[in-house]
């Protein structure tokens, strides 16, 4: 389960920060020096208090490390253009973050009958820049039978059938420090005239290289 993997990553991050605080803090140095010279013998409560304080500091440090990297890192948003039947669909990948996004990869669709003809991979996107790509995908009908996909047609069919579940796909990318980011996007039929596809971004997930 993803939540167990997240908990494991959190424990590793806090443990790493706590190890650094315990071994490199001035408080730990004073305690070691005082005990070694024999002029200070802290009570067990003092040690327990320092352990608790160190744990609190470590939790804050690990949170801040993630928060700053998330706030100052790249952030890719996806737009999907699928109006009319002339030509293939197009997508736009825009970096709305503050750092260059590298190895930008558009993942597979959430539905098994939709698949990419040409996988979309972009080497890098600078901050406030975008890349347009043709969205060549197909609809698998049956064994050996498939047709060219148009997202507005797929979503219109969903509306007719009363399907409530949107189509989702994830975009993965990294920064120059090899921090991995993933954001899932949900595709729904447009409600405004001239907009056949609306894209709703999900939360941004991040995994740092420890």
N, C-alpha and C. Protein backbone atom coordinates (compact mmCIF):
# COMPACT_ATOMS: atom_id res chain seq x y z
N UNK A 1 0.84 -1.20 0.00
CA UNK A 1 0.00 0.00 0.00
C UNK A 1 0.87 1.25 0.00
N UNK A 2 0.37 2.29 -0.71
CA UNK A 2 1.15 3.52 -0.82
C UNK A 2 1.36 4.18 0.52
N UNK A 3 0.34 4.11 1.42
CA UNK A 3 0.48 4.78 2.71
C UNK A 3 1.59 4.16 3.54
N UNK A 4 1.79 2.83 3.42
CA UNK A 4 2.87 2.18 4.14
C UNK A 4 4.24 2.61 3.60
N UNK A 5 4.31 2.78 2.27
CA UNK A 5 5.56 3.27 1.68
C UNK A 5 5.84 4.70 2.12
N UNK A 6 4.77 5.52 2.23
CA UNK A 6 4.95 6.90 2.68
C UNK A 6 5.42 6.95 4.13
N UNK A 7 4.84 6.08 4.97
CA UNK A 7 5.25 6.03 6.38
C UNK A 7 6.71 5.60 6.49
N UNK A 8 7.10 4.63 5.68
CA UNK A 8 8.49 4.19 5.69
C UNK A 8 9.43 5.32 5.30
N UNK A 9 9.08 6.07 4.24
CA UNK A 9 9.91 7.20 3.81
C UNK A 9 10.00 8.26 4.91
N UNK A 10 8.87 8.49 5.62
CA UNK A 10 8.86 9.49 6.69
C UNK A 10 9.76 9.05 7.83
N UNK A 11 9.71 7.78 8.20
CA UNK A 11 10.55 7.28 9.29
C UNK A 11 12.03 7.41 8.92
N UNK A 12 12.36 7.08 7.68
CA UNK A 12 13.75 7.20 7.23
C UNK A 12 14.21 8.65 7.28
N UNK A 13 13.36 9.58 6.83
CA UNK A 13 13.72 11.00 6.82
C UNK A 13 13.92 11.53 8.24
N UNK A 14 13.00 11.19 9.16
CA UNK A 14 13.11 11.65 10.54
C UNK A 14 14.33 11.03 11.21
N UNK A 15 14.56 9.75 10.97
CA UNK A 15 15.72 9.06 11.57
C UNK A 15 17.02 9.68 11.09
N UNK A 16 17.08 10.03 9.80
CA UNK A 16 18.29 10.65 9.27
C UNK A 16 18.53 12.01 9.90
N UNK A 17 17.46 12.81 10.05
CA UNK A 17 17.59 14.12 10.68
C UNK A 17 17.95 13.98 12.16
N UNK A 18 17.37 13.00 12.85
CA UNK A 18 17.64 12.81 14.27
C UNK A 18 19.08 12.35 14.50
N UNK A 19 19.56 11.50 13.63
CA UNK A 19 20.94 11.03 13.75
C UNK A 19 21.91 12.20 13.60
N UNK A 20 21.62 13.09 12.65
CA UNK A 20 22.47 14.26 12.46
C UNK A 20 22.41 15.21 13.64
N UNK A 21 21.21 15.38 14.20
CA UNK A 21 21.05 16.29 15.35
C UNK A 21 21.74 15.72 16.58
N UNK A 22 21.58 14.41 16.81
CA UNK A 22 22.14 13.79 18.00
C UNK A 22 23.66 13.83 17.99
N UNK A 23 24.23 13.60 16.82
CA UNK A 23 25.69 13.54 16.76
C UNK A 23 26.36 14.88 16.53
N UNK A 24 25.62 15.85 15.97
CA UNK A 24 26.27 17.10 15.61
C UNK A 24 25.79 18.32 16.37
N UNK A 25 24.84 18.15 17.29
CA UNK A 25 24.32 19.33 17.99
C UNK A 25 25.26 19.77 19.10
N UNK A 26 25.18 21.06 19.43
CA UNK A 26 26.00 21.61 20.51
C UNK A 26 25.58 21.03 21.86
N UNK A 27 24.28 20.74 22.01
CA UNK A 27 23.79 20.19 23.28
C UNK A 27 24.43 18.84 23.56
N UNK A 28 24.47 17.99 22.50
CA UNK A 28 25.08 16.67 22.67
C UNK A 28 26.55 16.81 23.02
N UNK A 29 27.22 17.80 22.43
CA UNK A 29 28.63 18.01 22.73
C UNK A 29 28.86 18.43 24.18
N UNK A 30 28.01 19.32 24.68
CA UNK A 30 28.13 19.79 26.05
C UNK A 30 27.88 18.64 27.02
N UNK A 31 26.85 17.82 26.73
CA UNK A 31 26.56 16.68 27.60
C UNK A 31 27.73 15.71 27.65
N UNK A 32 28.29 15.42 26.49
CA UNK A 32 29.41 14.49 26.45
C UNK A 32 30.63 15.04 27.15
N UNK A 33 30.89 16.34 26.95
CA UNK A 33 32.05 16.96 27.60
C UNK A 33 31.86 17.01 29.11
N UNK A 34 30.65 17.40 29.55
CA UNK A 34 30.40 17.50 30.98
C UNK A 34 30.51 16.15 31.67
N UNK A 35 29.93 15.12 31.04
CA UNK A 35 30.01 13.79 31.64
C UNK A 35 31.44 13.27 31.64
N UNK A 36 32.19 13.59 30.59
CA UNK A 36 33.57 13.11 30.50
C UNK A 36 34.47 13.77 31.53
N UNK A 37 34.26 15.06 31.81
CA UNK A 37 35.09 15.77 32.79
C UNK A 37 34.60 15.58 34.22
N UNK A 38 33.39 15.05 34.35
CA UNK A 38 32.86 14.76 35.68
C UNK A 38 32.27 15.93 36.42
N UNK A 39 32.09 17.10 35.74
CA UNK A 39 31.54 18.25 36.45
C UNK A 39 30.04 18.42 36.26
N UNK A 40 29.43 17.54 35.44
CA UNK A 40 27.98 17.64 35.30
C UNK A 40 27.43 16.23 35.06
N UNK A 41 26.44 15.89 35.87
CA UNK A 41 25.81 14.59 35.74
C UNK A 41 24.30 14.81 35.60
N UNK A 42 23.82 14.98 34.38
CA UNK A 42 22.38 15.24 34.17
C UNK A 42 21.52 14.09 34.69
N UNK A 43 20.34 14.46 35.14
CA UNK A 43 19.38 13.45 35.62
C UNK A 43 18.75 12.73 34.43
N UNK A 44 18.14 11.55 34.66
CA UNK A 44 17.45 10.85 33.58
C UNK A 44 16.38 11.70 32.91
N UNK A 45 15.69 12.56 33.71
CA UNK A 45 14.66 13.42 33.12
C UNK A 45 15.26 14.37 32.09
N UNK A 46 16.48 14.85 32.36
CA UNK A 46 17.14 15.74 31.40
C UNK A 46 17.40 15.02 30.08
N UNK A 47 17.89 13.79 30.19
CA UNK A 47 18.15 13.01 28.98
C UNK A 47 16.85 12.74 28.21
N UNK A 48 15.79 12.37 28.94
CA UNK A 48 14.52 12.10 28.28
C UNK A 48 13.97 13.36 27.59
N UNK A 49 14.14 14.50 28.30
CA UNK A 49 13.68 15.75 27.71
C UNK A 49 14.45 16.10 26.44
N UNK A 50 15.76 15.89 26.47
CA UNK A 50 16.58 16.17 25.28
C UNK A 50 16.25 15.22 24.14
N UNK A 51 15.98 13.97 24.46
CA UNK A 51 15.59 13.00 23.42
C UNK A 51 14.27 13.42 22.76
N UNK A 52 13.31 13.83 23.60
CA UNK A 52 12.03 14.29 23.06
C UNK A 52 12.17 15.55 22.24
N UNK A 53 12.99 16.49 22.76
CA UNK A 53 13.21 17.74 22.02
C UNK A 53 13.91 17.46 20.70
N UNK A 54 14.88 16.56 20.72
CA UNK A 54 15.59 16.21 19.49
C UNK A 54 14.68 15.57 18.47
N UNK A 55 13.75 14.74 18.94
CA UNK A 55 12.79 14.12 18.03
C UNK A 55 11.89 15.16 17.40
N UNK A 56 11.44 16.12 18.22
CA UNK A 56 10.59 17.20 17.70
C UNK A 56 11.33 18.02 16.66
N UNK A 57 12.59 18.37 16.95
CA UNK A 57 13.40 19.13 16.00
C UNK A 57 13.60 18.34 14.71
N UNK A 58 13.81 17.05 14.82
CA UNK A 58 14.04 16.20 13.64
C UNK A 58 12.80 16.11 12.77
N UNK A 59 11.63 16.01 13.40
CA UNK A 59 10.39 15.99 12.63
C UNK A 59 10.22 17.29 11.87
N UNK A 60 10.51 18.42 12.55
CA UNK A 60 10.40 19.72 11.88
C UNK A 60 11.39 19.83 10.73
N UNK A 61 12.63 19.40 10.94
CA UNK A 61 13.64 19.49 9.89
C UNK A 61 13.27 18.66 8.67
N UNK A 62 12.78 17.45 8.90
CA UNK A 62 12.40 16.61 7.76
C UNK A 62 11.20 17.20 7.03
N UNK A 63 10.22 17.76 7.79
CA UNK A 63 9.08 18.41 7.14
C UNK A 63 9.53 19.62 6.34
N UNK A 64 10.40 20.43 6.92
CA UNK A 64 10.86 21.64 6.23
C UNK A 64 11.63 21.29 4.96
N UNK A 65 12.42 20.23 5.02
CA UNK A 65 13.18 19.80 3.84
C UNK A 65 12.24 19.45 2.70
N UNK A 66 11.16 18.74 3.01
CA UNK A 66 10.18 18.39 1.99
C UNK A 66 9.41 19.62 1.53
N UNK A 67 9.02 20.47 2.49
CA UNK A 67 8.21 21.64 2.17
C UNK A 67 8.95 22.60 1.26
N UNK A 68 10.21 22.87 1.56
CA UNK A 68 10.99 23.80 0.75
C UNK A 68 11.23 23.24 -0.64
N UNK A 69 11.55 21.93 -0.71
CA UNK A 69 11.77 21.32 -2.02
C UNK A 69 10.50 21.33 -2.86
N UNK A 70 9.36 21.12 -2.22
CA UNK A 70 8.08 21.15 -2.94
C UNK A 70 7.77 22.56 -3.41
N UNK A 71 7.98 23.53 -2.54
CA UNK A 71 7.63 24.92 -2.86
C UNK A 71 8.55 25.50 -3.93
N UNK A 72 9.83 25.15 -3.90
CA UNK A 72 10.80 25.74 -4.81
C UNK A 72 11.12 24.85 -6.01
N UNK A 73 10.49 23.70 -6.10
CA UNK A 73 10.80 22.77 -7.18
C UNK A 73 9.95 23.00 -8.42
N UNK A 74 10.07 22.12 -9.41
CA UNK A 74 9.25 22.21 -10.62
C UNK A 74 7.82 21.77 -10.33
N UNK A 75 6.91 22.15 -11.18
CA UNK A 75 5.51 21.75 -11.04
C UNK A 75 4.87 21.75 -12.42
N UNK A 76 4.59 20.57 -12.94
CA UNK A 76 4.05 20.43 -14.29
C UNK A 76 2.52 20.40 -14.25
N UNK A 77 1.90 21.23 -15.08
CA UNK A 77 0.45 21.18 -15.29
C UNK A 77 0.18 20.71 -16.72
N UNK A 78 -0.93 20.02 -16.88
CA UNK A 78 -1.28 19.44 -18.17
C UNK A 78 -2.56 20.06 -18.70
N UNK A 79 -2.56 20.41 -19.99
CA UNK A 79 -3.76 20.86 -20.68
C UNK A 79 -4.00 19.92 -21.86
N UNK A 80 -5.28 19.63 -22.14
CA UNK A 80 -5.62 18.70 -23.22
C UNK A 80 -6.56 19.40 -24.20
N UNK A 81 -6.15 19.47 -25.47
CA UNK A 81 -6.95 20.10 -26.51
C UNK A 81 -7.52 19.01 -27.41
N UNK A 82 -8.84 18.94 -27.49
CA UNK A 82 -9.50 17.92 -28.32
C UNK A 82 -10.81 18.49 -28.82
N UNK A 83 -10.72 19.37 -29.81
CA UNK A 83 -11.91 20.03 -30.35
C UNK A 83 -12.06 19.65 -31.82
N UNK A 84 -13.22 19.08 -32.18
CA UNK A 84 -13.47 18.70 -33.57
C UNK A 84 -12.74 17.43 -33.95
N UNK A 85 -12.87 17.06 -35.20
CA UNK A 85 -12.31 15.81 -35.68
C UNK A 85 -11.14 16.03 -36.63
N UNK A 86 -10.68 17.23 -36.79
CA UNK A 86 -9.57 17.50 -37.70
C UNK A 86 -8.23 17.33 -37.02
N UNK A 87 -7.56 16.22 -37.27
CA UNK A 87 -6.24 16.00 -36.68
C UNK A 87 -6.32 15.34 -35.32
N UNK A 88 -5.16 15.03 -34.79
CA UNK A 88 -5.09 14.33 -33.51
C UNK A 88 -5.20 15.31 -32.34
N UNK A 89 -5.44 14.77 -31.17
CA UNK A 89 -5.46 15.57 -29.95
C UNK A 89 -4.05 16.09 -29.66
N UNK A 90 -4.01 17.16 -28.88
CA UNK A 90 -2.73 17.72 -28.46
C UNK A 90 -2.77 17.97 -26.96
N UNK A 91 -1.61 17.83 -26.34
CA UNK A 91 -1.51 18.18 -24.93
C UNK A 91 -0.41 19.23 -24.76
N UNK A 92 -0.55 20.01 -23.71
CA UNK A 92 0.47 21.01 -23.37
C UNK A 92 0.96 20.72 -21.95
N UNK A 93 2.26 20.60 -21.80
CA UNK A 93 2.89 20.41 -20.51
C UNK A 93 3.59 21.71 -20.14
N UNK A 94 3.12 22.36 -19.08
CA UNK A 94 3.68 23.64 -18.68
C UNK A 94 4.30 23.54 -17.30
N UNK A 95 5.50 24.07 -17.17
CA UNK A 95 6.19 24.08 -15.88
C UNK A 95 5.84 25.38 -15.15
N UNK A 96 4.97 25.26 -14.14
CA UNK A 96 4.55 26.42 -13.36
C UNK A 96 5.37 26.57 -12.08
N UNK A 97 6.42 25.76 -11.94
CA UNK A 97 7.24 25.80 -10.74
C UNK A 97 8.40 26.77 -10.86
N UNK A 98 9.38 26.60 -9.96
CA UNK A 98 10.51 27.52 -9.86
C UNK A 98 11.84 26.88 -10.24
N UNK A 99 11.81 25.65 -10.73
CA UNK A 99 13.03 24.96 -11.14
C UNK A 99 12.76 24.16 -12.40
N UNK A 100 13.80 23.81 -13.12
CA UNK A 100 13.65 23.06 -14.35
C UNK A 100 13.17 21.64 -14.05
N UNK A 101 12.18 21.19 -14.80
CA UNK A 101 11.69 19.82 -14.70
C UNK A 101 12.42 18.97 -15.74
N UNK A 102 12.96 17.84 -15.31
CA UNK A 102 13.68 16.95 -16.23
C UNK A 102 13.00 15.59 -16.26
N UNK A 103 13.20 14.89 -17.39
CA UNK A 103 12.64 13.55 -17.59
C UNK A 103 11.13 13.54 -17.33
N UNK A 104 10.42 14.40 -18.05
CA UNK A 104 8.97 14.50 -17.91
C UNK A 104 8.32 13.38 -18.71
N UNK A 105 7.55 12.53 -18.05
CA UNK A 105 6.95 11.36 -18.67
C UNK A 105 5.45 11.34 -18.38
N UNK A 106 4.65 11.22 -19.43
CA UNK A 106 3.20 11.07 -19.27
C UNK A 106 2.89 9.58 -19.20
N UNK A 107 2.26 9.16 -18.10
CA UNK A 107 1.99 7.75 -17.88
C UNK A 107 0.79 7.23 -18.64
N UNK A 108 0.44 5.98 -18.35
CA UNK A 108 -0.67 5.32 -19.02
C UNK A 108 -2.02 5.80 -18.48
N UNK A 109 -3.05 5.54 -19.26
CA UNK A 109 -4.41 5.90 -18.86
C UNK A 109 -4.92 4.94 -17.78
N UNK A 110 -5.90 5.41 -17.04
CA UNK A 110 -6.48 4.58 -15.98
C UNK A 110 -7.38 3.49 -16.54
N UNK A 111 -7.75 3.60 -17.81
CA UNK A 111 -8.61 2.59 -18.44
C UNK A 111 -7.77 1.68 -19.34
N UNK A 112 -8.01 0.40 -19.20
CA UNK A 112 -7.21 -0.58 -19.92
C UNK A 112 -7.42 -0.54 -21.43
N UNK A 113 -8.56 -0.01 -21.89
CA UNK A 113 -8.82 0.00 -23.33
C UNK A 113 -8.23 1.22 -24.03
N UNK A 114 -7.56 2.09 -23.28
CA UNK A 114 -6.89 3.26 -23.88
C UNK A 114 -5.38 3.10 -23.71
N UNK A 115 -4.64 3.32 -24.77
CA UNK A 115 -3.19 3.20 -24.67
C UNK A 115 -2.53 4.13 -25.69
N UNK A 116 -1.33 4.54 -25.35
CA UNK A 116 -0.58 5.46 -26.20
C UNK A 116 -0.01 4.75 -27.42
N UNK A 117 -0.13 5.39 -28.56
CA UNK A 117 0.60 4.93 -29.75
C UNK A 117 2.05 5.37 -29.66
N UNK A 118 2.23 6.64 -29.28
CA UNK A 118 3.57 7.21 -29.11
C UNK A 118 3.69 7.72 -27.68
N UNK A 119 4.45 7.03 -26.83
CA UNK A 119 4.64 7.52 -25.45
C UNK A 119 5.21 8.94 -25.46
N UNK A 120 4.76 9.75 -24.51
CA UNK A 120 5.18 11.15 -24.45
C UNK A 120 6.24 11.31 -23.37
N UNK A 121 7.43 11.69 -23.81
CA UNK A 121 8.55 11.93 -22.91
C UNK A 121 9.26 13.21 -23.35
N UNK A 122 9.50 14.09 -22.41
CA UNK A 122 10.17 15.37 -22.69
C UNK A 122 11.42 15.45 -21.84
N UNK A 123 12.53 15.80 -22.46
CA UNK A 123 13.81 15.80 -21.74
C UNK A 123 13.83 16.82 -20.61
N UNK A 124 13.38 18.04 -20.88
CA UNK A 124 13.38 19.07 -19.83
C UNK A 124 12.44 20.20 -20.22
N UNK A 125 11.90 20.87 -19.18
CA UNK A 125 11.06 22.05 -19.37
C UNK A 125 11.48 23.09 -18.35
N UNK A 126 11.91 24.24 -18.82
CA UNK A 126 12.36 25.31 -17.94
C UNK A 126 11.17 25.96 -17.24
N UNK A 127 11.40 26.67 -16.12
CA UNK A 127 10.31 27.35 -15.42
C UNK A 127 9.57 28.33 -16.34
N UNK A 128 8.26 28.32 -16.23
CA UNK A 128 7.37 29.20 -17.00
C UNK A 128 7.42 28.93 -18.50
N UNK A 129 7.89 27.76 -18.90
CA UNK A 129 7.90 27.36 -20.30
C UNK A 129 6.95 26.17 -20.48
N UNK A 130 6.59 25.90 -21.74
CA UNK A 130 5.70 24.79 -22.02
C UNK A 130 6.15 24.05 -23.27
N UNK A 131 5.66 22.83 -23.41
CA UNK A 131 5.93 22.00 -24.57
C UNK A 131 4.61 21.42 -25.06
N UNK A 132 4.33 21.57 -26.36
CA UNK A 132 3.14 20.99 -26.97
C UNK A 132 3.52 19.67 -27.64
N UNK A 133 2.66 18.65 -27.46
CA UNK A 133 2.89 17.34 -28.03
C UNK A 133 1.60 16.80 -28.63
N UNK A 134 1.74 16.10 -29.77
CA UNK A 134 0.60 15.38 -30.32
C UNK A 134 0.25 14.23 -29.39
N UNK A 135 -1.04 14.05 -29.12
CA UNK A 135 -1.49 12.99 -28.22
C UNK A 135 -2.07 11.85 -29.05
N UNK A 136 -1.20 11.00 -29.55
CA UNK A 136 -1.63 9.85 -30.35
C UNK A 136 -1.96 8.69 -29.42
N UNK A 137 -3.26 8.41 -29.27
CA UNK A 137 -3.65 7.26 -28.47
C UNK A 137 -4.73 6.48 -29.21
N UNK A 138 -4.92 5.25 -28.79
CA UNK A 138 -5.87 4.37 -29.48
C UNK A 138 -6.86 3.78 -28.48
N UNK A 139 -8.00 3.34 -29.04
CA UNK A 139 -9.03 2.67 -28.25
C UNK A 139 -9.07 1.21 -28.67
N UNK A 140 -8.85 0.33 -27.72
CA UNK A 140 -8.88 -1.11 -28.00
C UNK A 140 -10.32 -1.60 -27.93
N UNK A 141 -10.83 -2.08 -29.05
CA UNK A 141 -12.21 -2.55 -29.12
C UNK A 141 -12.31 -4.03 -28.78
N UNK A 142 -11.56 -4.84 -29.47
CA UNK A 142 -11.53 -6.28 -29.24
C UNK A 142 -10.20 -6.80 -29.76
N UNK A 143 -10.01 -8.11 -29.73
CA UNK A 143 -8.76 -8.69 -30.19
C UNK A 143 -8.49 -8.31 -31.64
N UNK A 144 -7.39 -7.60 -31.85
CA UNK A 144 -7.01 -7.18 -33.20
C UNK A 144 -7.82 -6.04 -33.75
N UNK A 145 -8.66 -5.43 -32.95
CA UNK A 145 -9.51 -4.33 -33.41
C UNK A 145 -9.29 -3.11 -32.54
N UNK A 146 -8.80 -2.04 -33.13
CA UNK A 146 -8.59 -0.79 -32.41
C UNK A 146 -8.82 0.38 -33.35
N UNK A 147 -9.06 1.54 -32.77
CA UNK A 147 -9.29 2.74 -33.57
C UNK A 147 -8.59 3.92 -32.95
N UNK A 148 -8.36 4.95 -33.76
CA UNK A 148 -7.71 6.16 -33.28
C UNK A 148 -8.59 6.83 -32.23
N UNK A 149 -7.97 7.26 -31.14
CA UNK A 149 -8.74 7.86 -30.07
C UNK A 149 -8.80 9.37 -30.15
N UNK A 150 -9.97 9.91 -29.85
CA UNK A 150 -10.17 11.35 -29.68
C UNK A 150 -10.80 11.53 -28.31
N UNK A 151 -10.15 12.28 -27.44
CA UNK A 151 -10.59 12.34 -26.06
C UNK A 151 -11.99 12.94 -25.92
N UNK A 152 -12.32 13.92 -26.75
CA UNK A 152 -13.65 14.51 -26.63
C UNK A 152 -14.73 13.48 -26.97
N UNK A 153 -14.44 12.58 -27.91
CA UNK A 153 -15.40 11.54 -28.27
C UNK A 153 -15.55 10.52 -27.14
N UNK A 154 -14.42 10.16 -26.51
CA UNK A 154 -14.48 9.21 -25.40
C UNK A 154 -15.29 9.78 -24.25
N UNK A 155 -15.05 11.05 -23.91
CA UNK A 155 -15.75 11.66 -22.78
C UNK A 155 -17.22 11.90 -23.11
N UNK A 156 -17.52 12.19 -24.38
CA UNK A 156 -18.92 12.35 -24.77
C UNK A 156 -19.66 11.02 -24.63
N UNK A 157 -19.01 9.93 -24.98
CA UNK A 157 -19.60 8.61 -24.81
C UNK A 157 -19.84 8.33 -23.33
N UNK A 158 -18.92 8.78 -22.47
CA UNK A 158 -19.11 8.61 -21.03
C UNK A 158 -20.37 9.32 -20.55
N UNK A 159 -20.58 10.54 -21.03
CA UNK A 159 -21.75 11.30 -20.63
C UNK A 159 -23.03 10.60 -21.06
N UNK A 160 -23.02 10.07 -22.28
CA UNK A 160 -24.21 9.39 -22.79
C UNK A 160 -24.53 8.16 -21.95
N UNK A 161 -23.46 7.43 -21.55
CA UNK A 161 -23.64 6.22 -20.76
C UNK A 161 -23.83 6.53 -19.27
N UNK A 162 -23.64 7.77 -18.89
CA UNK A 162 -23.80 8.15 -17.49
C UNK A 162 -22.63 7.73 -16.63
N UNK A 163 -21.46 7.53 -17.23
CA UNK A 163 -20.27 7.14 -16.48
C UNK A 163 -19.77 8.33 -15.67
N UNK A 164 -19.56 8.11 -14.37
CA UNK A 164 -19.16 9.20 -13.48
C UNK A 164 -17.66 9.23 -13.21
N UNK A 165 -16.97 8.12 -13.48
CA UNK A 165 -15.54 8.04 -13.16
C UNK A 165 -14.72 8.72 -14.25
N UNK A 166 -13.90 9.73 -13.91
CA UNK A 166 -13.09 10.39 -14.93
C UNK A 166 -11.95 9.50 -15.40
N UNK A 167 -11.34 9.87 -16.50
CA UNK A 167 -10.13 9.20 -16.98
C UNK A 167 -8.94 9.89 -16.34
N UNK A 168 -8.04 9.13 -15.79
CA UNK A 168 -6.89 9.74 -15.13
C UNK A 168 -5.60 9.23 -15.75
N UNK A 169 -4.58 10.03 -15.63
CA UNK A 169 -3.22 9.65 -16.00
C UNK A 169 -2.26 10.48 -15.17
N UNK A 170 -1.07 9.94 -14.97
CA UNK A 170 -0.08 10.60 -14.12
C UNK A 170 1.08 11.13 -14.95
N UNK A 171 1.61 12.25 -14.51
CA UNK A 171 2.81 12.83 -15.14
C UNK A 171 3.92 12.77 -14.09
N UNK A 172 5.03 12.14 -14.47
CA UNK A 172 6.18 12.01 -13.58
C UNK A 172 7.31 12.89 -14.09
N UNK A 173 8.04 13.50 -13.16
CA UNK A 173 9.18 14.34 -13.54
C UNK A 173 10.11 14.46 -12.35
N UNK A 174 11.28 15.01 -12.58
CA UNK A 174 12.29 15.14 -11.53
C UNK A 174 12.90 16.53 -11.59
N UNK A 175 13.67 16.88 -10.54
CA UNK A 175 14.45 18.11 -10.59
C UNK A 175 15.93 17.75 -10.73
N UNK A 176 16.80 18.75 -10.68
CA UNK A 176 18.23 18.52 -10.88
C UNK A 176 18.85 17.74 -9.73
N UNK A 177 18.17 17.69 -8.57
CA UNK A 177 18.66 16.93 -7.42
C UNK A 177 18.10 15.51 -7.38
N UNK A 178 17.44 15.11 -8.48
CA UNK A 178 16.86 13.78 -8.61
C UNK A 178 15.72 13.53 -7.63
N UNK A 179 15.09 14.59 -7.17
CA UNK A 179 13.85 14.44 -6.41
C UNK A 179 12.73 14.10 -7.40
N UNK A 180 11.98 13.05 -7.12
CA UNK A 180 10.95 12.58 -8.04
C UNK A 180 9.59 13.18 -7.67
N UNK A 181 8.87 13.66 -8.67
CA UNK A 181 7.54 14.25 -8.48
C UNK A 181 6.53 13.48 -9.33
N UNK A 182 5.31 13.38 -8.82
CA UNK A 182 4.22 12.75 -9.57
C UNK A 182 2.94 13.53 -9.30
N UNK A 183 2.24 13.86 -10.38
CA UNK A 183 0.92 14.48 -10.22
C UNK A 183 -0.06 13.75 -11.14
N UNK A 184 -1.20 13.38 -10.59
CA UNK A 184 -2.24 12.71 -11.36
C UNK A 184 -3.26 13.74 -11.83
N UNK A 185 -3.66 13.61 -13.10
CA UNK A 185 -4.66 14.51 -13.69
C UNK A 185 -5.91 13.72 -14.06
N UNK A 186 -7.07 14.37 -13.89
CA UNK A 186 -8.35 13.74 -14.15
C UNK A 186 -9.03 14.45 -15.32
N UNK A 187 -9.39 13.69 -16.34
CA UNK A 187 -9.99 14.24 -17.56
C UNK A 187 -11.49 14.04 -17.52
N UNK A 188 -12.22 15.12 -17.70
CA UNK A 188 -13.68 15.09 -17.73
C UNK A 188 -14.17 15.86 -18.95
N UNK A 189 -15.42 15.61 -19.31
CA UNK A 189 -16.02 16.35 -20.40
C UNK A 189 -16.21 17.80 -20.03
N UNK A 190 -15.95 18.71 -20.97
CA UNK A 190 -16.05 20.13 -20.71
C UNK A 190 -17.49 20.59 -20.53
N UNK A 191 -17.66 21.58 -19.72
CA UNK A 191 -19.00 22.15 -19.48
C UNK A 191 -19.16 23.52 -20.11
N UNK A 192 -18.07 24.09 -20.64
CA UNK A 192 -18.10 25.40 -21.28
C UNK A 192 -18.03 25.19 -22.79
N UNK A 193 -18.81 25.92 -23.53
CA UNK A 193 -18.84 25.78 -24.98
C UNK A 193 -17.45 26.05 -25.57
N UNK A 194 -16.98 25.17 -26.43
CA UNK A 194 -15.66 25.31 -27.02
C UNK A 194 -14.57 24.58 -26.26
N UNK A 195 -14.92 24.07 -25.10
CA UNK A 195 -13.95 23.31 -24.31
C UNK A 195 -14.49 21.90 -24.13
N UNK A 196 -13.93 20.96 -24.89
CA UNK A 196 -14.43 19.59 -24.88
C UNK A 196 -13.84 18.75 -23.76
N UNK A 197 -12.68 19.17 -23.25
CA UNK A 197 -12.00 18.39 -22.21
C UNK A 197 -11.54 19.34 -21.10
N UNK A 198 -11.89 19.03 -19.88
CA UNK A 198 -11.36 19.78 -18.74
C UNK A 198 -10.40 18.87 -17.98
N UNK A 199 -9.34 19.46 -17.46
CA UNK A 199 -8.31 18.71 -16.75
C UNK A 199 -8.25 19.20 -15.31
N UNK A 200 -8.47 18.28 -14.38
CA UNK A 200 -8.41 18.62 -12.96
C UNK A 200 -7.13 18.03 -12.36
N UNK A 201 -6.22 18.86 -11.86
CA UNK A 201 -4.98 18.33 -11.27
C UNK A 201 -5.22 17.77 -9.88
N UNK A 202 -4.58 16.65 -9.59
CA UNK A 202 -4.61 16.08 -8.26
C UNK A 202 -3.43 16.61 -7.45
N UNK A 203 -3.24 16.13 -6.23
CA UNK A 203 -2.14 16.62 -5.38
C UNK A 203 -0.78 16.20 -5.95
N UNK A 204 0.22 17.01 -5.68
CA UNK A 204 1.59 16.72 -6.11
C UNK A 204 2.27 15.85 -5.06
N UNK A 205 2.79 14.71 -5.48
CA UNK A 205 3.51 13.81 -4.59
C UNK A 205 4.99 13.91 -4.89
N UNK A 206 5.80 13.84 -3.85
CA UNK A 206 7.23 14.03 -4.00
C UNK A 206 7.98 12.98 -3.21
N UNK A 207 9.07 12.50 -3.77
CA UNK A 207 9.93 11.55 -3.09
C UNK A 207 11.37 11.97 -3.26
N UNK A 208 11.99 12.35 -2.15
CA UNK A 208 13.37 12.81 -2.19
C UNK A 208 14.33 11.62 -2.21
N UNK A 209 15.50 11.85 -2.80
CA UNK A 209 16.55 10.86 -2.74
C UNK A 209 17.30 11.05 -1.44
N UNK A 210 17.25 10.07 -0.57
CA UNK A 210 17.89 10.20 0.75
C UNK A 210 19.37 9.85 0.64
